[in-house]
Protein backbone atom coordinates (compact mmCIF):
# COMPACT_ATOMS: atom_id res chain seq x y z
CA MET A 1 25.32 9.35 -13.90
CA THR A 2 23.20 7.14 -12.26
CA ALA A 3 19.45 7.02 -12.97
CA ARG A 4 17.14 7.42 -9.73
CA PRO A 5 14.94 4.58 -9.02
CA ARG A 6 11.39 4.50 -10.29
CA PRO A 7 9.20 4.96 -7.22
CA HIS A 8 6.61 2.09 -6.77
CA LEU A 9 3.63 4.11 -6.34
CA PRO A 10 -0.34 2.82 -7.56
CA MET A 11 -1.75 3.32 -11.09
CA ARG A 12 -5.15 3.43 -10.50
CA PRO A 13 -8.03 2.56 -11.04
CA ALA A 14 -6.47 -0.67 -10.99
CA TRP A 15 -4.30 -0.32 -7.60
CA LEU A 16 -1.08 -1.60 -9.16
CA CYS A 17 2.31 -0.51 -8.84
CA ARG A 18 3.85 1.45 -11.76
CA ASN A 19 6.89 -0.02 -11.13
CA CYS A 20 6.68 -3.34 -10.76
CA ALA A 21 3.14 -3.85 -11.58
CA ALA A 22 2.33 -6.17 -8.39
CA PRO A 23 -0.43 -5.63 -6.46
CA TRP A 24 0.25 -1.89 -4.47
CA PRO A 25 1.29 -1.46 -1.55
CA CYS A 26 3.81 -3.72 -3.36
CA GLY A 27 6.97 -4.85 -0.73
CA PRO A 28 8.76 -2.08 -1.69
CA ALA A 29 6.46 0.57 -1.32
CA GLN A 30 5.77 -1.46 2.29
CA LEU A 31 9.19 -0.32 2.53
CA ASP A 32 9.39 2.51 1.07
CA LEU A 33 6.38 3.57 3.23
CA ALA A 34 7.41 2.06 6.58
CA THR A 35 10.40 4.30 5.81
CA GLU A 36 8.61 7.56 5.07
CA PHE A 37 6.21 7.56 7.88
CA TYR A 38 8.50 6.08 10.48
CA GLY A 39 7.37 6.76 13.89
CA HIS A 40 4.16 7.83 12.72
CA SER A 41 2.03 4.27 12.78
CA ILE A 42 -1.52 6.13 13.65
CA ALA A 43 -1.20 8.33 10.60
CA LEU A 44 0.46 5.16 8.17
CA ALA A 45 -2.61 3.32 8.88
CA PHE A 46 -5.10 6.73 8.49
CA TYR A 47 -3.33 7.13 4.94
CA LEU A 48 -3.45 3.19 3.97
CA ALA A 49 -6.95 3.45 5.05
CA ALA A 50 -8.12 6.22 2.65
CA SER A 51 -6.13 4.61 -0.02
CA MET A 52 -7.73 1.30 0.84
CA GLN A 53 -11.18 3.48 0.75
CA GLU A 54 -9.88 5.14 -2.50
CA ALA A 55 -9.47 1.70 -4.41
CA ILE A 56 -12.35 0.03 -3.33
CA ASP A 57 -14.18 2.68 -4.97
CA ASP A 58 -12.24 2.48 -7.63
CA VAL A 59 -13.05 -1.34 -7.73
CA TYR A 60 -16.99 -0.34 -7.42
CA GLY A 61 -16.60 1.87 -10.52
CA LEU A 62 -15.28 -0.38 -12.89
CA GLY A 63 -18.63 -2.41 -11.74
CA LEU A 64 -17.21 -5.14 -9.76
CA ARG A 65 -17.31 -6.35 -6.15
CA PRO A 66 -14.15 -5.75 -4.01
CA ASP A 67 -12.77 -8.74 -1.73
CA LEU A 68 -13.03 -6.63 1.46
CA SER A 69 -11.51 -8.64 3.20
CA ALA A 70 -8.59 -9.08 1.51
CA MET A 71 -8.52 -5.37 0.25
CA HIS A 72 -8.12 -4.87 4.40
CA ALA A 73 -5.09 -8.14 3.91
CA ARG A 74 -3.65 -5.65 1.32
CA PHE A 75 -3.42 -2.02 2.41
CA LEU A 76 -3.26 -2.52 6.43
CA GLY A 77 -2.89 -6.10 7.19
CA TRP A 78 0.75 -5.84 6.73
CA LEU A 79 0.91 -2.83 9.66
CA ALA A 80 1.46 -5.12 12.73
CA VAL A 81 4.01 -6.97 10.88
CA ALA A 82 5.98 -3.72 10.03
CA ARG A 83 5.97 -2.84 13.35
CA ARG A 84 7.35 -5.10 15.45
CA PRO A 85 10.18 -4.65 17.35
CA HIS A 86 13.83 -6.57 16.05
CA ARG A 87 14.75 -9.61 18.21
CA LEU A 88 18.39 -10.17 18.43
């Protein structure tokens, strides 16, 4: 019997990965999301934008000021790379 791998999901309000403790979405979460939303890139962008807004709200809720450009890069910046066609 093999153990199922733990999913890379966000832990709020810190928005760190529950599995690897990296800022979410971590690399494995990005791969999982790209696979889950394959062919539905607009839906993925909306999901990540909503997640980014929740993360920003959580940072403000902790009494801190979020770095909005870093949050954008973290949540949405990798999408353009995920959509590029693979070249042989």
